[in-house]
Amino acid sequence: MLRGIHVPLVTPFTSDGEVAVDTIEKLAHQMLDQGAAGLVALGTTGEVAALDPDERAQVIEVCLRVCRQRQALLTVGVTGNDVRSTARALRSLPEEVGAALVTVPYFLRPGERGVVAYFEALAEDTPVPLVIYHIPYRTGQAVSATTLRRLGAHPMVAGVKYAAGGIDQDAVDLLADLPDGFEVVGGDDAFVSPLLALGASGGILASAHLRTSEFVELADAWQAGDTPRARVLGHRLARLSAALFAEPNPTVIKGVLHAQGLIPTPDVRLPLVPAGAEAVSQAQWLV
């Protein structure tokens, strides 16, 4: 289900600060036209924390419409820090949503037993498959390969977005012995190529707003065993990803998309501030 490249869409804003719904629709089609396997709505890249409930519903609606037309997977980010509110958010998702990306509980650091209990409770109550978002440098909570393997054995846990800040021993151990039906997708853009080389099925990559087709080709090359081509693409795209993450995500990506005329403004909502001109220029040069 998670094979290939999935793009976590930015939320573009108009000059008066409103969500640019028509632009989201155009971007969504463009990503799928270039070979993306699916879209992610309301991820970190979409500035979900800065959107109000009505805006979040708008984003889901337009992304769902596009994915329905294109027969593509829509994954929706669901952020919460307790079972009750997260379960309510999962139950409120439209029935055509394909999966929910759920972050490991953050800030509380409940320990791995708490992480297991949290996701097992959600898995028993969710109407859509869950994708665990493992990003310990944001959540403060480490999760081992053993824990992910245990959670992956549940039929309603489809996979994990793995973003540990690099390729660690747990990534190696997990990919060496995956539960049936459980997939690993890369979430650290600059490290997606080595993760694919180890057996990841794809990636959820903000950088894939740009050079989308090359990210798709990268995943396909590793799947096909075309190591020479995959290495060339991997090195080139890692440099692009590093430039796009030179300032807090998605500020540089939005700056480049705006410079290309693909979104109406480069604006982000506080506490984010727009990327500096030099960072945008450096990224543009690599695109």
C-alpha atoms as a PDB file:
ATOM      1  CA  MET A   1       0.000   0.000   0.000  1.00  0.00           C
ATOM      2  CA  LEU A   2       2.850   2.388   0.824  1.00  0.00           C
ATOM      3  CA  ARG A   3       5.109   1.521  -2.087  1.00  0.00           C
ATOM      4  CA  GLY A   4       6.550   4.448  -4.038  1.00  0.00           C
ATOM      5  CA  ILE A   5       6.864   8.149  -3.344  1.00  0.00           C
ATOM      6  CA  HIS A   6       4.146   9.972  -1.420  1.00  0.00           C
ATOM      7  CA  VAL A   7       4.214  13.772  -1.303  1.00  0.00           C
ATOM      8  CA  PRO A   8       3.198  15.542   1.947  1.00  0.00           C
ATOM      9  CA  LEU A   9       1.650  18.615   0.389  1.00  0.00           C
ATOM     10  CA  VAL A  10       2.418  22.143   1.519  1.00  0.00           C
ATOM     11  CA  THR A  11      -0.536  24.339   2.400  1.00  0.00           C
ATOM     12  CA  PRO A  12      -0.179  27.426   0.166  1.00  0.00           C
ATOM     13  CA  PHE A  13      -1.653  30.717   1.325  1.00  0.00           C
ATOM     14  CA  THR A  14      -3.081  33.631  -0.629  1.00  0.00           C
ATOM     15  CA  SER A  15      -1.839  37.198  -0.203  1.00  0.00           C
ATOM     16  CA  ASP A  16      -4.567  37.796   2.384  1.00  0.00           C
ATOM     17  CA  GLY A  17      -3.573  34.748   4.416  1.00  0.00           C
ATOM     18  CA  GLU A  18      -6.312  32.333   3.361  1.00  0.00           C
ATOM     19  CA  VAL A  19      -5.705  28.738   2.318  1.00  0.00           C
ATOM     20  CA  ALA A  20      -5.240  28.673  -1.472  1.00  0.00           C
ATOM     21  CA  VAL A  21      -7.531  25.714  -2.124  1.00  0.00           C
ATOM     22  CA  ASP A  22      -7.346  25.888  -5.923  1.00  0.00           C
ATOM     23  CA  THR A  23      -3.561  25.856  -5.744  1.00  0.00           C
ATOM     24  CA  ILE A  24      -3.585  22.756  -3.542  1.00  0.00           C
ATOM     25  CA  GLU A  25      -5.666  20.993  -6.184  1.00  0.00           C
ATOM     26  CA  LYS A  26      -3.249  21.986  -8.961  1.00  0.00           C
ATOM     27  CA  LEU A  27      -0.226  20.906  -6.931  1.00  0.00           C
ATOM     28  CA  ALA A  28      -1.858  17.589  -6.097  1.00  0.00           C
ATOM     29  CA  HIS A  29      -2.506  16.815  -9.742  1.00  0.00           C
ATOM     30  CA  GLN A  30       1.019  17.885 -10.674  1.00  0.00           C
ATOM     31  CA  MET A  31       2.591  15.538  -8.130  1.00  0.00           C
ATOM     32  CA  LEU A  32       0.511  12.612  -9.385  1.00  0.00           C
ATOM     33  CA  ASP A  33       1.185  13.532 -13.019  1.00  0.00           C
ATOM     34  CA  GLN A  34       4.892  13.141 -12.279  1.00  0.00           C
ATOM     35  CA  GLY A  35       4.472   9.661 -10.855  1.00  0.00           C
ATOM     36  CA  ALA A  36       3.828  10.066  -7.129  1.00  0.00           C
ATOM     37  CA  ALA A  37       1.990   7.061  -5.735  1.00  0.00           C
ATOM     38  CA  GLY A  38      -0.015   9.107  -3.285  1.00  0.00           C
ATOM     39  CA  LEU A  39      -0.429  12.282  -1.276  1.00  0.00           C
ATOM     40  CA  VAL A  40      -0.258  13.108   2.406  1.00  0.00           C
ATOM     41  CA  ALA A  41      -2.559  15.824   3.718  1.00  0.00           C
ATOM     42  CA  LEU A  42      -2.052  17.649   7.017  1.00  0.00           C
ATOM     43  CA  GLY A  43       1.514  16.580   7.623  1.00  0.00           C
ATOM     44  CA  THR A  44       4.192  18.722   9.236  1.00  0.00           C
ATOM     45  CA  THR A  45       5.022  20.076   5.767  1.00  0.00           C
ATOM     46  CA  GLY A  46       1.394  21.202   5.472  1.00  0.00           C
ATOM     47  CA  GLU A  47       1.721  23.322   8.652  1.00  0.00           C
ATOM     48  CA  VAL A  48      -1.123  21.379  10.206  1.00  0.00           C
ATOM     49  CA  ALA A  49      -0.555  22.930  13.642  1.00  0.00           C
ATOM     50  CA  ALA A  50      -1.246  26.394  12.187  1.00  0.00           C
ATOM     51  CA  LEU A  51      -4.544  25.451  10.497  1.00  0.00           C
ATOM     52  CA  ASP A  52      -7.922  25.769  12.153  1.00  0.00           C
ATOM     53  CA  PRO A  53     -10.464  22.904  11.965  1.00  0.00           C
ATOM     54  CA  ASP A  54     -12.314  24.369   8.968  1.00  0.00           C
ATOM     55  CA  GLU A  55      -9.057  24.808   7.058  1.00  0.00           C
ATOM     56  CA  ARG A  56      -8.015  21.249   7.835  1.00  0.00           C
ATOM     57  CA  ALA A  57     -11.339  20.007   6.514  1.00  0.00           C
ATOM     58  CA  GLN A  58     -10.843  22.039   3.321  1.00  0.00           C
ATOM     59  CA  VAL A  59      -7.417  20.517   2.739  1.00  0.00           C
ATOM     60  CA  ILE A  60      -8.701  16.973   3.253  1.00  0.00           C
ATOM     61  CA  GLU A  61     -11.665  17.588   0.968  1.00  0.00           C
ATOM     62  CA  VAL A  62      -9.616  18.831  -1.982  1.00  0.00           C
ATOM     63  CA  CYS A  63      -6.927  16.155  -1.596  1.00  0.00           C
ATOM     64  CA  LEU A  64      -9.559  13.453  -1.333  1.00  0.00           C
ATOM     65  CA  ARG A  65     -11.270  14.705  -4.483  1.00  0.00           C
ATOM     66  CA  VAL A  66      -8.015  14.557  -6.430  1.00  0.00           C
ATOM     67  CA  CYS A  67      -7.035  11.131  -5.113  1.00  0.00           C
ATOM     68  CA  ARG A  68     -10.490   9.793  -5.903  1.00  0.00           C
ATOM     69  CA  GLN A  69     -10.212  11.032  -9.484  1.00  0.00           C
ATOM     70  CA  ARG A  70      -6.685   9.676  -9.868  1.00  0.00           C
ATOM     71  CA  GLN A  71      -7.147   6.450  -7.886  1.00  0.00           C
ATOM     72  CA  ALA A  72      -4.228   7.385  -5.660  1.00  0.00           C
ATOM     73  CA  LEU A  73      -3.708   6.760  -1.960  1.00  0.00           C
ATOM     74  CA  LEU A  74      -4.511   9.629   0.393  1.00  0.00           C
ATOM     75  CA  THR A  75      -2.887   9.500   3.803  1.00  0.00           C
ATOM     76  CA  VAL A  76      -3.997  12.059   6.390  1.00  0.00           C
ATOM     77  CA  GLY A  77      -1.833  13.204   9.261  1.00  0.00           C
ATOM     78  CA  VAL A  78      -3.506  12.766  12.641  1.00  0.00           C
ATOM     79  CA  THR A  79      -1.676  14.425  15.507  1.00  0.00           C
ATOM     80  CA  GLY A  80      -2.558  13.813  19.110  1.00  0.00           C
ATOM     81  CA  ASN A  81      -1.007  13.072  22.441  1.00  0.00           C
ATOM     82  CA  ASP A  82      -3.663  10.950  24.080  1.00  0.00           C
ATOM     83  CA  VAL A  83      -5.725   7.994  22.934  1.00  0.00           C
ATOM     84  CA  ARG A  84      -9.161   9.578  23.272  1.00  0.00           C
ATOM     85  CA  SER A  85      -8.560  12.666  21.137  1.00  0.00           C
ATOM     86  CA  THR A  86      -6.536  10.758  18.540  1.00  0.00           C
ATOM     87  CA  ALA A  87      -9.185   8.045  18.296  1.00  0.00           C
ATOM     88  CA  ARG A  88     -11.891  10.696  17.796  1.00  0.00           C
ATOM     89  CA  ALA A  89      -9.839  12.269  15.016  1.00  0.00           C
ATOM     90  CA  LEU A  90      -9.400   8.890  13.332  1.00  0.00           C
ATOM     91  CA  ARG A  91     -13.120   8.119  13.516  1.00  0.00           C
ATOM     92  CA  SER A  92     -13.943  11.510  11.983  1.00  0.00           C
ATOM     93  CA  LEU A  93     -11.891  10.898   8.821  1.00  0.00           C
ATOM     94  CA  PRO A  94     -13.860  10.521   5.569  1.00  0.00           C
ATOM     95  CA  GLU A  95     -14.335   6.856   4.708  1.00  0.00           C
ATOM     96  CA  GLU A  96     -12.325   7.124   1.466  1.00  0.00           C
ATOM     97  CA  VAL A  97      -9.114   8.115   3.258  1.00  0.00           C
ATOM     98  CA  GLY A  98      -6.609   5.329   2.662  1.00  0.00           C
ATOM     99  CA  ALA A  99      -4.429   5.607   5.766  1.00  0.00           C
ATOM    100  CA  ALA A 100      -3.676   7.795   8.770  1.00  0.00           C
ATOM    101  CA  LEU A 101      -0.178   8.951   9.670  1.00  0.00           C
ATOM    102  CA  VAL A 102      -0.050   9.012  13.469  1.00  0.00           C
ATOM    103  CA  THR A 103       2.917  10.425  15.348  1.00  0.00           C
ATOM    104  CA  VAL A 104       4.481   8.578  18.255  1.00  0.00           C
ATOM    105  CA  PRO A 105       3.274  10.404  21.408  1.00  0.00           C
ATOM    106  CA  TYR A 106       5.462  13.471  21.793  1.00  0.00           C
ATOM    107  CA  PHE A 107       6.919  15.415  24.710  1.00  0.00           C
ATOM    108  CA  LEU A 108       5.500  13.053  27.350  1.00  0.00           C
ATOM    109  CA  ARG A 109       8.093  10.342  26.621  1.00  0.00           C
ATOM    110  CA  PRO A 110       5.796   7.514  27.803  1.00  0.00           C
ATOM    111  CA  GLY A 111       8.438   4.801  27.286  1.00  0.00           C
ATOM    112  CA  GLU A 112       8.174   2.005  24.776  1.00  0.00           C
ATOM    113  CA  ARG A 113       5.546   0.128  26.782  1.00  0.00           C
ATOM    114  CA  GLY A 114       3.417   3.258  26.633  1.00  0.00           C
ATOM    115  CA  VAL A 115       3.974   3.579  22.878  1.00  0.00           C
ATOM    116  CA  VAL A 116       2.866  -0.027  22.380  1.00  0.00           C
ATOM    117  CA  ALA A 117      -0.236   0.443  24.527  1.00  0.00           C
ATOM    118  CA  TYR A 118      -1.095   3.690  22.702  1.00  0.00           C
ATOM    119  CA  PHE A 119      -0.920   2.266  19.204  1.00  0.00           C
ATOM    120  CA  GLU A 120      -2.556  -1.029  20.125  1.00  0.00           C
ATOM    121  CA  ALA A 121      -5.509   0.894  21.577  1.00  0.00           C
ATOM    122  CA  LEU A 122      -5.777   3.027  18.427  1.00  0.00           C
ATOM    123  CA  ALA A 123      -5.459  -0.001  16.161  1.00  0.00           C
ATOM    124  CA  GLU A 124      -8.470  -1.592  17.836  1.00  0.00           C
ATOM    125  CA  ASP A 125     -10.576   1.526  17.239  1.00  0.00           C
ATOM    126  CA  THR A 126      -9.450   2.955  13.896  1.00  0.00           C
ATOM    127  CA  PRO A 127     -11.504   2.748  10.688  1.00  0.00           C
ATOM    128  CA  VAL A 128      -8.384   3.196   8.505  1.00  0.00           C
ATOM    129  CA  PRO A 129      -4.931   1.574   8.531  1.00  0.00           C
ATOM    130  CA  LEU A 130      -2.328   3.326  10.656  1.00  0.00           C
ATOM    131  CA  VAL A 131       1.137   4.444   9.615  1.00  0.00           C
ATOM    132  CA  ILE A 132       3.326   5.104  12.648  1.00  0.00           C
ATOM    133  CA  TYR A 133       5.350   8.301  12.372  1.00  0.00           C
ATOM    134  CA  HIS A 134       8.652   7.604  14.117  1.00  0.00           C
ATOM    135  CA  ILE A 135      10.613  10.853  14.444  1.00  0.00           C
ATOM    136  CA  PRO A 136      12.434  10.788  17.793  1.00  0.00           C
ATOM    137  CA  TYR A 137      14.260  14.095  17.354  1.00  0.00           C
ATOM    138  CA  ARG A 138      10.839  15.788  17.430  1.00  0.00           C
ATOM    139  CA  THR A 139       8.922  13.536  19.824  1.00  0.00           C
ATOM    140  CA  GLY A 140      11.663  12.856  22.368  1.00  0.00           C
ATOM    141  CA  GLN A 141      10.661   9.195  22.389  1.00  0.00           C
ATOM    142  CA  ALA A 142      12.901   6.434  21.019  1.00  0.00           C
ATOM    143  CA  VAL A 143      11.193   3.378  19.514  1.00  0.00           C
ATOM    144  CA  SER A 144      13.195   0.216  18.877  1.00  0.00           C
ATOM    145  CA  ALA A 145      12.977  -2.221  15.982  1.00  0.00           C
ATOM    146  CA  THR A 146      11.515  -4.775  18.403  1.00  0.00           C
ATOM    147  CA  THR A 147       8.678  -2.412  19.340  1.00  0.00           C
ATOM    148  CA  LEU A 148       7.940  -1.479  15.725  1.00  0.00           C
ATOM    149  CA  ARG A 149       7.969  -5.147  14.745  1.00  0.00           C
ATOM    150  CA  ARG A 150       5.473  -5.936  17.516  1.00  0.00           C
ATOM    151  CA  LEU A 151       3.161  -3.110  16.437  1.00  0.00           C
ATOM    152  CA  GLY A 152       3.556  -4.087  12.787  1.00  0.00           C
ATOM    153  CA  ALA A 153       2.078  -7.489  13.502  1.00  0.00           C
ATOM    154  CA  HIS A 154      -1.323  -5.847  14.086  1.00  0.00           C
ATOM    155  CA  PRO A 155      -3.482  -6.036  10.935  1.00  0.00           C
ATOM    156  CA  MET A 156      -4.473  -2.359  11.213  1.00  0.00           C
ATOM    157  CA  VAL A 157      -0.883  -1.087  11.372  1.00  0.00           C
ATOM    158  CA  ALA A 158       0.272  -0.759   7.768  1.00  0.00           C
ATOM    159  CA  GLY A 159       3.763   0.605   8.248  1.00  0.00           C
ATOM    160  CA  VAL A 160       6.087   3.210   9.678  1.00  0.00           C
ATOM    161  CA  LYS A 161       7.406   6.504   8.382  1.00  0.00           C
ATOM    162  CA  TYR A 162      10.970   6.173   9.588  1.00  0.00           C
ATOM    163  CA  ALA A 163      12.704   9.473  10.333  1.00  0.00           C
ATOM    164  CA  ALA A 164      15.389   8.833  12.921  1.00  0.00           C
ATOM    165  CA  GLY A 165      17.796  11.442  11.529  1.00  0.00           C
ATOM    166  CA  GLY A 166      19.894   8.907   9.630  1.00  0.00           C
ATOM    167  CA  ILE A 167      20.337   5.172   9.158  1.00  0.00           C
ATOM    168  CA  ASP A 168      20.631   3.690  12.637  1.00  0.00           C
ATOM    169  CA  GLN A 169      20.994   0.108  13.832  1.00  0.00           C
ATOM    170  CA  ASP A 170      17.260  -0.169  14.512  1.00  0.00           C
ATOM    171  CA  ALA A 171      16.521   0.679  10.864  1.00  0.00           C
ATOM    172  CA  VAL A 172      18.904  -2.056   9.747  1.00  0.00           C
ATOM    173  CA  ASP A 173      17.414  -4.583  12.192  1.00  0.00           C
ATOM    174  CA  LEU A 174      13.817  -3.709  11.328  1.00  0.00           C
ATOM    175  CA  LEU A 175      14.274  -3.945   7.557  1.00  0.00           C
ATOM    176  CA  ALA A 176      16.042  -7.292   7.941  1.00  0.00           C
ATOM    177  CA  ASP A 177      12.925  -8.886   9.439  1.00  0.00           C
ATOM    178  CA  LEU A 178       9.605  -7.174   8.656  1.00  0.00           C
ATOM    179  CA  PRO A 179       6.205  -8.531   9.725  1.00  0.00           C
ATOM    180  CA  ASP A 180       3.986  -9.583   6.832  1.00  0.00           C
ATOM    181  CA  GLY A 181       2.090  -6.618   5.407  1.00  0.00           C
ATOM    182  CA  PHE A 182       4.161  -4.048   7.317  1.00  0.00           C
ATOM    183  CA  GLU A 183       6.129  -1.525   5.236  1.00  0.00           C
ATOM    184  CA  VAL A 184       8.854   0.994   6.006  1.00  0.00           C
ATOM    185  CA  VAL A 185       8.869   4.337   4.188  1.00  0.00           C
ATOM    186  CA  GLY A 186      11.647   6.867   4.500  1.00  0.00           C
ATOM    187  CA  GLY A 187      10.857  10.163   6.173  1.00  0.00           C
ATOM    188  CA  ASP A 188      14.294  11.801   6.244  1.00  0.00           C
ATOM    189  CA  ASP A 189      14.603  13.104   2.704  1.00  0.00           C
ATOM    190  CA  ALA A 190      18.401  13.182   2.529  1.00  0.00           C
ATOM    191  CA  PHE A 191      18.662   9.569   3.728  1.00  0.00           C
ATOM    192  CA  VAL A 192      15.905   7.982   1.684  1.00  0.00           C
ATOM    193  CA  SER A 193      18.253   6.417  -0.872  1.00  0.00           C
ATOM    194  CA  PRO A 194      20.216   4.275   1.627  1.00  0.00           C
ATOM    195  CA  LEU A 195      16.962   3.332   3.357  1.00  0.00           C
ATOM    196  CA  LEU A 196      15.545   2.178   0.008  1.00  0.00           C
ATOM    197  CA  ALA A 197      18.760   0.233  -0.579  1.00  0.00           C
ATOM    198  CA  LEU A 198      18.107  -1.618   2.696  1.00  0.00           C
ATOM    199  CA  GLY A 199      14.590  -2.565   1.601  1.00  0.00           C
ATOM    200  CA  ALA A 200      12.251   0.319   2.389  1.00  0.00           C
ATOM    201  CA  SER A 201       9.214   0.360   0.119  1.00  0.00           C
ATOM    202  CA  GLY A 202       9.176   4.101  -0.578  1.00  0.00           C
ATOM    203  CA  GLY A 203       9.207   7.508   1.023  1.00  0.00           C
ATOM    204  CA  ILE A 204       7.036  10.318   2.319  1.00  0.00           C
ATOM    205  CA  LEU A 205       9.197  13.182   1.150  1.00  0.00           C
ATOM    206  CA  ALA A 206       8.634  16.936   1.281  1.00  0.00           C
ATOM    207  CA  SER A 207      11.531  17.392  -1.166  1.00  0.00           C
ATOM    208  CA  ALA A 208       9.535  15.498  -3.782  1.00  0.00           C
ATOM    209  CA  HIS A 209       7.510  18.652  -4.444  1.00  0.00           C
ATOM    210  CA  LEU A 210      10.486  19.316  -6.734  1.00  0.00           C
ATOM    211  CA  ARG A 211      12.001  16.834  -9.186  1.00  0.00           C
ATOM    212  CA  THR A 212       9.111  14.542  -8.310  1.00  0.00           C
ATOM    213  CA  SER A 213       9.741  12.226 -11.235  1.00  0.00           C
ATOM    214  CA  GLU A 214      13.390  11.760 -10.230  1.00  0.00           C
ATOM    215  CA  PHE A 215      12.418  10.740  -6.694  1.00  0.00           C
ATOM    216  CA  VAL A 216       9.997   8.266  -8.257  1.00  0.00           C
ATOM    217  CA  GLU A 217      12.785   7.012 -10.526  1.00  0.00           C
ATOM    218  CA  LEU A 218      15.067   6.633  -7.500  1.00  0.00           C
ATOM    219  CA  ALA A 219      12.569   4.382  -5.719  1.00  0.00           C
ATOM    220  CA  ASP A 220      11.946   2.398  -8.893  1.00  0.00           C
ATOM    221  CA  ALA A 221      15.684   1.953  -9.510  1.00  0.00           C
ATOM    222  CA  TRP A 222      16.287   0.454  -6.066  1.00  0.00           C
ATOM    223  CA  GLN A 223      13.242  -1.796  -6.448  1.00  0.00           C
ATOM    224  CA  ALA A 224      14.543  -2.991  -9.824  1.00  0.00           C
ATOM    225  CA  GLY A 225      18.062  -3.574  -8.516  1.00  0.00           C
ATOM    226  CA  ASP A 226      19.550  -0.905 -10.792  1.00  0.00           C
ATOM    227  CA  THR A 227      22.220   0.077  -8.291  1.00  0.00           C
ATOM    228  CA  PRO A 228      24.340   2.342 -10.535  1.00  0.00           C
ATOM    229  CA  ARG A 229      21.346   4.478 -11.531  1.00  0.00           C
ATOM    230  CA  ALA A 230      20.001   4.557  -7.968  1.00  0.00           C
ATOM    231  CA  ARG A 231      23.342   5.752  -6.594  1.00  0.00           C
ATOM    232  CA  VAL A 232      23.618   8.614  -9.087  1.00  0.00           C
ATOM    233  CA  LEU A 233      20.071   9.753  -8.379  1.00  0.00           C
ATOM    234  CA  GLY A 234      20.436   9.282  -4.643  1.00  0.00           C
ATOM    235  CA  HIS A 235      23.508  11.499  -4.380  1.00  0.00           C
ATOM    236  CA  ARG A 236      21.981  14.217  -6.560  1.00  0.00           C
ATOM    237  CA  LEU A 237      18.652  14.267  -4.739  1.00  0.00           C
ATOM    238  CA  ALA A 238      20.307  14.198  -1.311  1.00  0.00           C
ATOM    239  CA  ARG A 239      22.047  17.475  -2.178  1.00  0.00           C
ATOM    240  CA  LEU A 240      18.712  18.963  -3.197  1.00  0.00           C
ATOM    241  CA  SER A 241      17.060  17.761   0.023  1.00  0.00           C
ATOM    242  CA  ALA A 242      19.836  19.262   2.146  1.00  0.00           C
ATOM    243  CA  ALA A 243      19.302  22.626   0.451  1.00  0.00           C
ATOM    244  CA  LEU A 244      15.521  22.446   0.869  1.00  0.00           C
ATOM    245  CA  PHE A 245      15.939  21.766   4.601  1.00  0.00           C
ATOM    246  CA  ALA A 246      18.574  24.463   5.167  1.00  0.00           C
ATOM    247  CA  GLU A 247      15.893  26.416   7.045  1.00  0.00           C
ATOM    248  CA  PRO A 248      12.839  25.051   8.875  1.00  0.00           C
ATOM    249  CA  ASN A 249      10.548  22.987   6.663  1.00  0.00           C
ATOM    250  CA  PRO A 250       8.560  23.956   4.564  1.00  0.00           C
ATOM    251  CA  THR A 251       9.934  27.488   4.270  1.00  0.00           C
ATOM    252  CA  VAL A 252      12.535  26.862   1.564  1.00  0.00           C
ATOM    253  CA  ILE A 253      10.238  24.552  -0.402  1.00  0.00           C
ATOM    254  CA  LYS A 254       7.553  27.228  -0.378  1.00  0.00           C
ATOM    255  CA  GLY A 255      10.094  29.845  -1.441  1.00  0.00           C
ATOM    256  CA  VAL A 256      11.140  27.763  -4.446  1.00  0.00           C
ATOM    257  CA  LEU A 257       7.567  26.844  -5.401  1.00  0.00           C
ATOM    258  CA  HIS A 258       6.636  30.527  -5.290  1.00  0.00           C
ATOM    259  CA  ALA A 259       9.678  31.494  -7.376  1.00  0.00           C
ATOM    260  CA  GLN A 260       8.549  28.939  -9.957  1.00  0.00           C
ATOM    261  CA  GLY A 261       5.049  30.438 -10.029  1.00  0.00           C
ATOM    262  CA  LEU A 262       3.433  27.325  -8.575  1.00  0.00           C
ATOM    263  CA  ILE A 263       2.005  28.884  -5.405  1.00  0.00           C
ATOM    264  CA  PRO A 264       0.723  32.455  -4.932  1.00  0.00           C
ATOM    265  CA  THR A 265       2.986  33.417  -2.007  1.00  0.00           C
ATOM    266  CA  PRO A 266       5.921  31.928  -0.093  1.00  0.00           C
ATOM    267  CA  ASP A 267       4.097  32.708   3.144  1.00  0.00           C
ATOM    268  CA  VAL A 268       4.112  30.524   6.222  1.00  0.00           C
ATOM    269  CA  ARG A 269       2.350  31.053   9.528  1.00  0.00           C
ATOM    270  CA  LEU A 270       4.072  32.018  12.754  1.00  0.00           C
ATOM    271  CA  PRO A 271       6.096  30.791  14.513  1.00  0.00           C
ATOM    272  CA  LEU A 272       7.615  29.910  11.117  1.00  0.00           C
ATOM    273  CA  VAL A 273       9.019  32.796   9.094  1.00  0.00           C
ATOM    274  CA  PRO A 274       9.747  32.805   5.350  1.00  0.00           C
ATOM    275  CA  ALA A 275      13.091  31.434   4.220  1.00  0.00           C
ATOM    276  CA  GLY A 276      15.885  33.863   3.450  1.00  0.00           C
ATOM    277  CA  ALA A 277      16.618  34.790  -0.143  1.00  0.00           C
ATOM    278  CA  GLU A 278      20.007  33.044  -0.114  1.00  0.00           C
ATOM    279  CA  ALA A 279      18.576  29.707   1.006  1.00  0.00           C
ATOM    280  CA  VAL A 280      15.866  29.873  -1.663  1.00  0.00           C
ATOM    281  CA  SER A 281      18.424  30.826  -4.309  1.00  0.00           C
ATOM    282  CA  GLN A 282      20.727  27.944  -3.368  1.00  0.00           C
ATOM    283  CA  ALA A 283      17.865  25.450  -3.588  1.00  0.00           C
ATOM    284  CA  GLN A 284      16.657  26.868  -6.896  1.00  0.00           C
ATOM    285  CA  TRP A 285      20.126  26.389  -8.353  1.00  0.00           C
ATOM    286  CA  LEU A 286      19.941  22.673  -7.532  1.00  0.00           C
ATOM    287  CA  VAL A 287      16.460  22.291  -9.003  1.00  0.00           C
END
